[in-house]
């Protein structure tokens, strides 16, 4: 992984797990907010709040993401397409 992906992985791992799941499903996978809420077994309002907090936390660690909001989604999609999953052990 390049430095940008390593920084993104580190920032994702700093998120609380419920926030990480919501941001990965919504921004990375591209699910709508109601579908994301269903996947994480939360109300749409709760999922929206988690998403707001996740975005705030990510931009605190990666300030360049605050310049262009759509950049978060494109970086997460590239991250997931590369097979990078935060917290997953690397195979031997």
N, C-alpha and C. Protein backbone atom coordinates (compact mmCIF):
# COMPACT_ATOMS: atom_id res chain seq x y z
N UNK A 1 0.84 -1.19 0.00
CA UNK A 1 0.00 0.00 0.00
C UNK A 1 0.88 1.24 0.00
N UNK A 2 0.45 2.26 -0.72
CA UNK A 2 1.23 3.49 -0.74
C UNK A 2 0.98 4.27 0.55
N UNK A 3 1.69 5.38 0.71
CA UNK A 3 1.59 6.16 1.94
C UNK A 3 0.17 6.67 2.16
N UNK A 4 -0.51 7.08 1.08
CA UNK A 4 -1.88 7.57 1.21
C UNK A 4 -2.83 6.50 1.71
N UNK A 5 -2.67 5.28 1.19
CA UNK A 5 -3.54 4.19 1.63
C UNK A 5 -3.20 3.78 3.06
N UNK A 6 -1.92 3.82 3.42
CA UNK A 6 -1.53 3.49 4.79
C UNK A 6 -2.11 4.51 5.76
N UNK A 7 -2.09 5.79 5.39
CA UNK A 7 -2.66 6.83 6.24
C UNK A 7 -4.17 6.65 6.37
N UNK A 8 -4.82 6.29 5.26
CA UNK A 8 -6.26 6.05 5.29
C UNK A 8 -6.59 4.86 6.18
N UNK A 9 -5.81 3.79 6.07
CA UNK A 9 -6.03 2.61 6.91
C UNK A 9 -5.88 2.97 8.38
N UNK A 10 -4.84 3.73 8.70
CA UNK A 10 -4.61 4.13 10.10
C UNK A 10 -5.77 4.99 10.61
N UNK A 11 -6.25 5.91 9.77
CA UNK A 11 -7.37 6.77 10.17
C UNK A 11 -8.64 5.95 10.36
N UNK A 12 -8.87 4.98 9.49
CA UNK A 12 -10.05 4.12 9.62
C UNK A 12 -10.00 3.30 10.91
N UNK A 13 -8.81 2.82 11.25
CA UNK A 13 -8.68 2.02 12.46
C UNK A 13 -8.85 2.84 13.73
N UNK A 14 -8.67 4.15 13.63
CA UNK A 14 -8.90 5.03 14.79
C UNK A 14 -10.39 5.25 15.06
N UNK A 15 -11.22 5.01 14.05
CA UNK A 15 -12.66 5.20 14.22
C UNK A 15 -13.24 4.14 15.15
N UNK A 16 -14.31 4.52 15.84
CA UNK A 16 -15.06 3.52 16.60
C UNK A 16 -15.64 2.54 15.58
N UNK A 17 -15.69 1.24 15.90
CA UNK A 17 -16.18 0.26 14.93
C UNK A 17 -17.54 0.59 14.30
N UNK A 18 -18.54 1.07 15.06
CA UNK A 18 -19.81 1.39 14.39
C UNK A 18 -19.67 2.51 13.36
N UNK A 19 -18.79 3.46 13.64
CA UNK A 19 -18.57 4.56 12.69
C UNK A 19 -17.82 4.05 11.46
N UNK A 20 -16.85 3.18 11.69
CA UNK A 20 -16.07 2.62 10.58
C UNK A 20 -16.97 1.82 9.64
N UNK A 21 -17.86 1.00 10.21
CA UNK A 21 -18.76 0.20 9.38
C UNK A 21 -19.65 1.09 8.51
N UNK A 22 -20.21 2.14 9.12
CA UNK A 22 -21.11 3.02 8.37
C UNK A 22 -20.37 3.74 7.25
N UNK A 23 -19.20 4.28 7.54
CA UNK A 23 -18.49 5.04 6.49
C UNK A 23 -18.02 4.11 5.38
N UNK A 24 -17.60 2.90 5.71
CA UNK A 24 -17.18 1.97 4.66
C UNK A 24 -18.36 1.54 3.79
N UNK A 25 -19.49 1.25 4.41
CA UNK A 25 -20.66 0.83 3.63
C UNK A 25 -21.23 1.97 2.79
N UNK A 26 -21.33 3.15 3.37
CA UNK A 26 -21.95 4.27 2.66
C UNK A 26 -21.00 4.89 1.63
N UNK A 27 -19.82 5.28 2.07
CA UNK A 27 -18.88 5.97 1.18
C UNK A 27 -18.07 5.01 0.32
N UNK A 28 -17.69 3.87 0.89
CA UNK A 28 -16.84 2.93 0.16
C UNK A 28 -17.61 2.00 -0.76
N UNK A 29 -18.64 1.37 -0.23
CA UNK A 29 -19.43 0.42 -1.02
C UNK A 29 -20.47 1.14 -1.86
N UNK A 30 -20.94 2.28 -1.36
CA UNK A 30 -21.91 3.06 -2.12
C UNK A 30 -23.36 2.80 -1.77
N UNK A 31 -23.60 2.17 -0.62
CA UNK A 31 -24.99 1.96 -0.20
C UNK A 31 -25.62 3.30 0.17
N UNK A 32 -26.92 3.40 -0.07
CA UNK A 32 -27.65 4.58 0.38
C UNK A 32 -27.75 4.56 1.89
N UNK A 33 -28.13 5.68 2.46
CA UNK A 33 -28.20 5.75 3.92
C UNK A 33 -29.22 4.77 4.52
N UNK A 34 -30.42 4.61 3.94
CA UNK A 34 -31.35 3.61 4.51
C UNK A 34 -30.79 2.18 4.43
N UNK A 35 -30.12 1.86 3.34
CA UNK A 35 -29.54 0.51 3.18
C UNK A 35 -28.39 0.31 4.16
N UNK A 36 -27.58 1.36 4.34
CA UNK A 36 -26.48 1.29 5.30
C UNK A 36 -27.04 1.06 6.70
N UNK A 37 -28.08 1.81 7.05
CA UNK A 37 -28.71 1.65 8.36
C UNK A 37 -29.20 0.23 8.57
N UNK A 38 -29.82 -0.34 7.55
CA UNK A 38 -30.32 -1.71 7.65
C UNK A 38 -29.16 -2.69 7.86
N UNK A 39 -28.07 -2.50 7.15
CA UNK A 39 -26.92 -3.40 7.28
C UNK A 39 -26.31 -3.36 8.67
N UNK A 40 -26.30 -2.18 9.29
CA UNK A 40 -25.69 -2.06 10.62
C UNK A 40 -26.73 -2.17 11.74
N UNK A 41 -27.97 -2.51 11.34
CA UNK A 41 -29.06 -2.70 12.29
C UNK A 41 -29.25 -1.49 13.19
N UNK A 42 -29.36 -0.32 12.54
CA UNK A 42 -29.57 0.94 13.24
C UNK A 42 -30.65 1.72 12.50
N UNK A 43 -31.19 2.72 13.16
CA UNK A 43 -32.13 3.60 12.47
C UNK A 43 -31.36 4.44 11.45
N UNK A 44 -32.08 4.98 10.49
CA UNK A 44 -31.43 5.84 9.50
C UNK A 44 -30.81 7.05 10.19
N UNK A 45 -31.48 7.60 11.18
CA UNK A 45 -30.94 8.74 11.91
C UNK A 45 -29.64 8.38 12.64
N UNK A 46 -29.61 7.22 13.28
CA UNK A 46 -28.40 6.79 13.98
C UNK A 46 -27.26 6.58 12.99
N UNK A 47 -27.55 5.97 11.84
CA UNK A 47 -26.52 5.76 10.82
C UNK A 47 -26.01 7.10 10.30
N UNK A 48 -26.91 8.05 10.10
CA UNK A 48 -26.50 9.38 9.63
C UNK A 48 -25.59 10.05 10.64
N UNK A 49 -25.91 9.95 11.90
CA UNK A 49 -25.05 10.53 12.95
C UNK A 49 -23.68 9.87 12.97
N UNK A 50 -23.66 8.56 12.85
CA UNK A 50 -22.38 7.84 12.81
C UNK A 50 -21.55 8.29 11.62
N UNK A 51 -22.22 8.48 10.49
CA UNK A 51 -21.52 8.92 9.28
C UNK A 51 -20.93 10.31 9.47
N UNK A 52 -21.68 11.21 10.07
CA UNK A 52 -21.18 12.56 10.34
C UNK A 52 -19.94 12.50 11.23
N UNK A 53 -20.02 11.71 12.30
CA UNK A 53 -18.88 11.59 13.22
C UNK A 53 -17.68 10.94 12.52
N UNK A 54 -17.93 9.93 11.72
CA UNK A 54 -16.84 9.26 11.00
C UNK A 54 -16.14 10.23 10.06
N UNK A 55 -16.92 11.01 9.32
CA UNK A 55 -16.33 11.99 8.40
C UNK A 55 -15.52 13.02 9.16
N UNK A 56 -16.05 13.50 10.29
CA UNK A 56 -15.32 14.49 11.09
C UNK A 56 -14.00 13.91 11.59
N UNK A 57 -14.04 12.69 12.09
CA UNK A 57 -12.83 12.06 12.61
C UNK A 57 -11.82 11.80 11.50
N UNK A 58 -12.30 11.35 10.35
CA UNK A 58 -11.38 11.09 9.23
C UNK A 58 -10.73 12.37 8.74
N UNK A 59 -11.50 13.44 8.62
CA UNK A 59 -10.91 14.70 8.14
C UNK A 59 -10.00 15.32 9.18
N UNK A 60 -10.20 15.00 10.47
CA UNK A 60 -9.27 15.47 11.50
C UNK A 60 -7.90 14.83 11.31
N UNK A 61 -7.88 13.57 10.90
CA UNK A 61 -6.62 12.85 10.69
C UNK A 61 -6.08 13.01 9.27
N UNK A 62 -6.97 13.27 8.32
CA UNK A 62 -6.60 13.44 6.92
C UNK A 62 -7.22 14.75 6.42
N UNK A 63 -6.63 15.90 6.75
CA UNK A 63 -7.24 17.19 6.43
C UNK A 63 -7.51 17.40 4.94
N UNK A 64 -6.76 16.73 4.09
CA UNK A 64 -6.98 16.90 2.65
C UNK A 64 -8.37 16.42 2.23
N UNK A 65 -9.00 15.57 3.03
CA UNK A 65 -10.34 15.09 2.70
C UNK A 65 -11.40 16.18 2.89
N UNK A 66 -11.10 17.18 3.69
CA UNK A 66 -12.09 18.24 3.92
C UNK A 66 -12.20 19.19 2.74
N UNK A 67 -11.18 19.21 1.87
CA UNK A 67 -11.20 20.11 0.71
C UNK A 67 -12.25 19.69 -0.31
N UNK A 68 -12.38 18.41 -0.54
CA UNK A 68 -13.33 17.88 -1.52
C UNK A 68 -14.07 16.70 -0.89
N UNK A 69 -15.32 16.93 -0.47
CA UNK A 69 -16.07 15.86 0.21
C UNK A 69 -16.17 14.56 -0.59
N UNK A 70 -16.28 14.65 -1.92
CA UNK A 70 -16.41 13.43 -2.73
C UNK A 70 -15.10 12.63 -2.78
N UNK A 71 -14.00 13.26 -2.36
CA UNK A 71 -12.71 12.56 -2.37
C UNK A 71 -12.71 11.39 -1.38
N UNK A 72 -13.44 11.52 -0.28
CA UNK A 72 -13.50 10.44 0.69
C UNK A 72 -14.05 9.17 0.05
N UNK A 73 -15.16 9.29 -0.65
CA UNK A 73 -15.76 8.13 -1.31
C UNK A 73 -14.84 7.51 -2.34
N UNK A 74 -14.22 8.34 -3.16
CA UNK A 74 -13.34 7.79 -4.20
C UNK A 74 -12.11 7.12 -3.58
N UNK A 75 -11.57 7.69 -2.51
CA UNK A 75 -10.41 7.06 -1.86
C UNK A 75 -10.80 5.75 -1.18
N UNK A 76 -11.97 5.73 -0.55
CA UNK A 76 -12.41 4.49 0.09
C UNK A 76 -12.71 3.40 -0.94
N UNK A 77 -13.32 3.78 -2.06
CA UNK A 77 -13.59 2.78 -3.11
C UNK A 77 -12.29 2.20 -3.66
N UNK A 78 -11.29 3.05 -3.89
CA UNK A 78 -9.99 2.57 -4.37
C UNK A 78 -9.33 1.68 -3.31
N UNK A 79 -9.45 2.08 -2.08
CA UNK A 79 -8.89 1.33 -0.96
C UNK A 79 -9.49 -0.07 -0.89
N UNK A 80 -10.81 -0.14 -0.98
CA UNK A 80 -11.49 -1.44 -0.93
C UNK A 80 -11.22 -2.27 -2.18
N UNK A 81 -11.13 -1.62 -3.33
CA UNK A 81 -10.85 -2.34 -4.58
C UNK A 81 -9.46 -2.97 -4.54
N UNK A 82 -8.55 -2.34 -3.81
CA UNK A 82 -7.19 -2.87 -3.70
C UNK A 82 -7.12 -4.03 -2.71
N UNK A 83 -8.26 -4.34 -2.08
CA UNK A 83 -8.29 -5.45 -1.14
C UNK A 83 -7.83 -5.07 0.25
N UNK A 84 -7.73 -3.77 0.50
CA UNK A 84 -7.30 -3.29 1.82
C UNK A 84 -8.50 -3.27 2.75
N UNK A 85 -8.44 -4.08 3.78
CA UNK A 85 -9.52 -4.10 4.76
C UNK A 85 -8.89 -3.86 6.13
N UNK A 86 -9.21 -2.71 6.76
CA UNK A 86 -8.59 -2.42 8.04
C UNK A 86 -8.94 -3.46 9.09
N UNK A 87 -7.92 -3.87 9.83
CA UNK A 87 -8.14 -4.82 10.90
C UNK A 87 -8.08 -6.28 10.47
N UNK A 88 -8.03 -6.52 9.16
CA UNK A 88 -7.96 -7.90 8.68
C UNK A 88 -6.50 -8.35 8.71
N UNK A 89 -6.22 -9.51 9.28
CA UNK A 89 -4.84 -9.99 9.30
C UNK A 89 -4.32 -10.26 7.89
N UNK A 90 -3.07 -9.98 7.69
CA UNK A 90 -2.44 -10.25 6.40
C UNK A 90 -2.13 -11.74 6.31
N UNK A 91 -2.52 -12.38 5.19
CA UNK A 91 -2.22 -13.82 5.07
C UNK A 91 -0.71 -14.05 5.01
N UNK A 92 -0.25 -15.21 5.49
CA UNK A 92 1.20 -15.50 5.50
C UNK A 92 1.76 -15.66 4.11
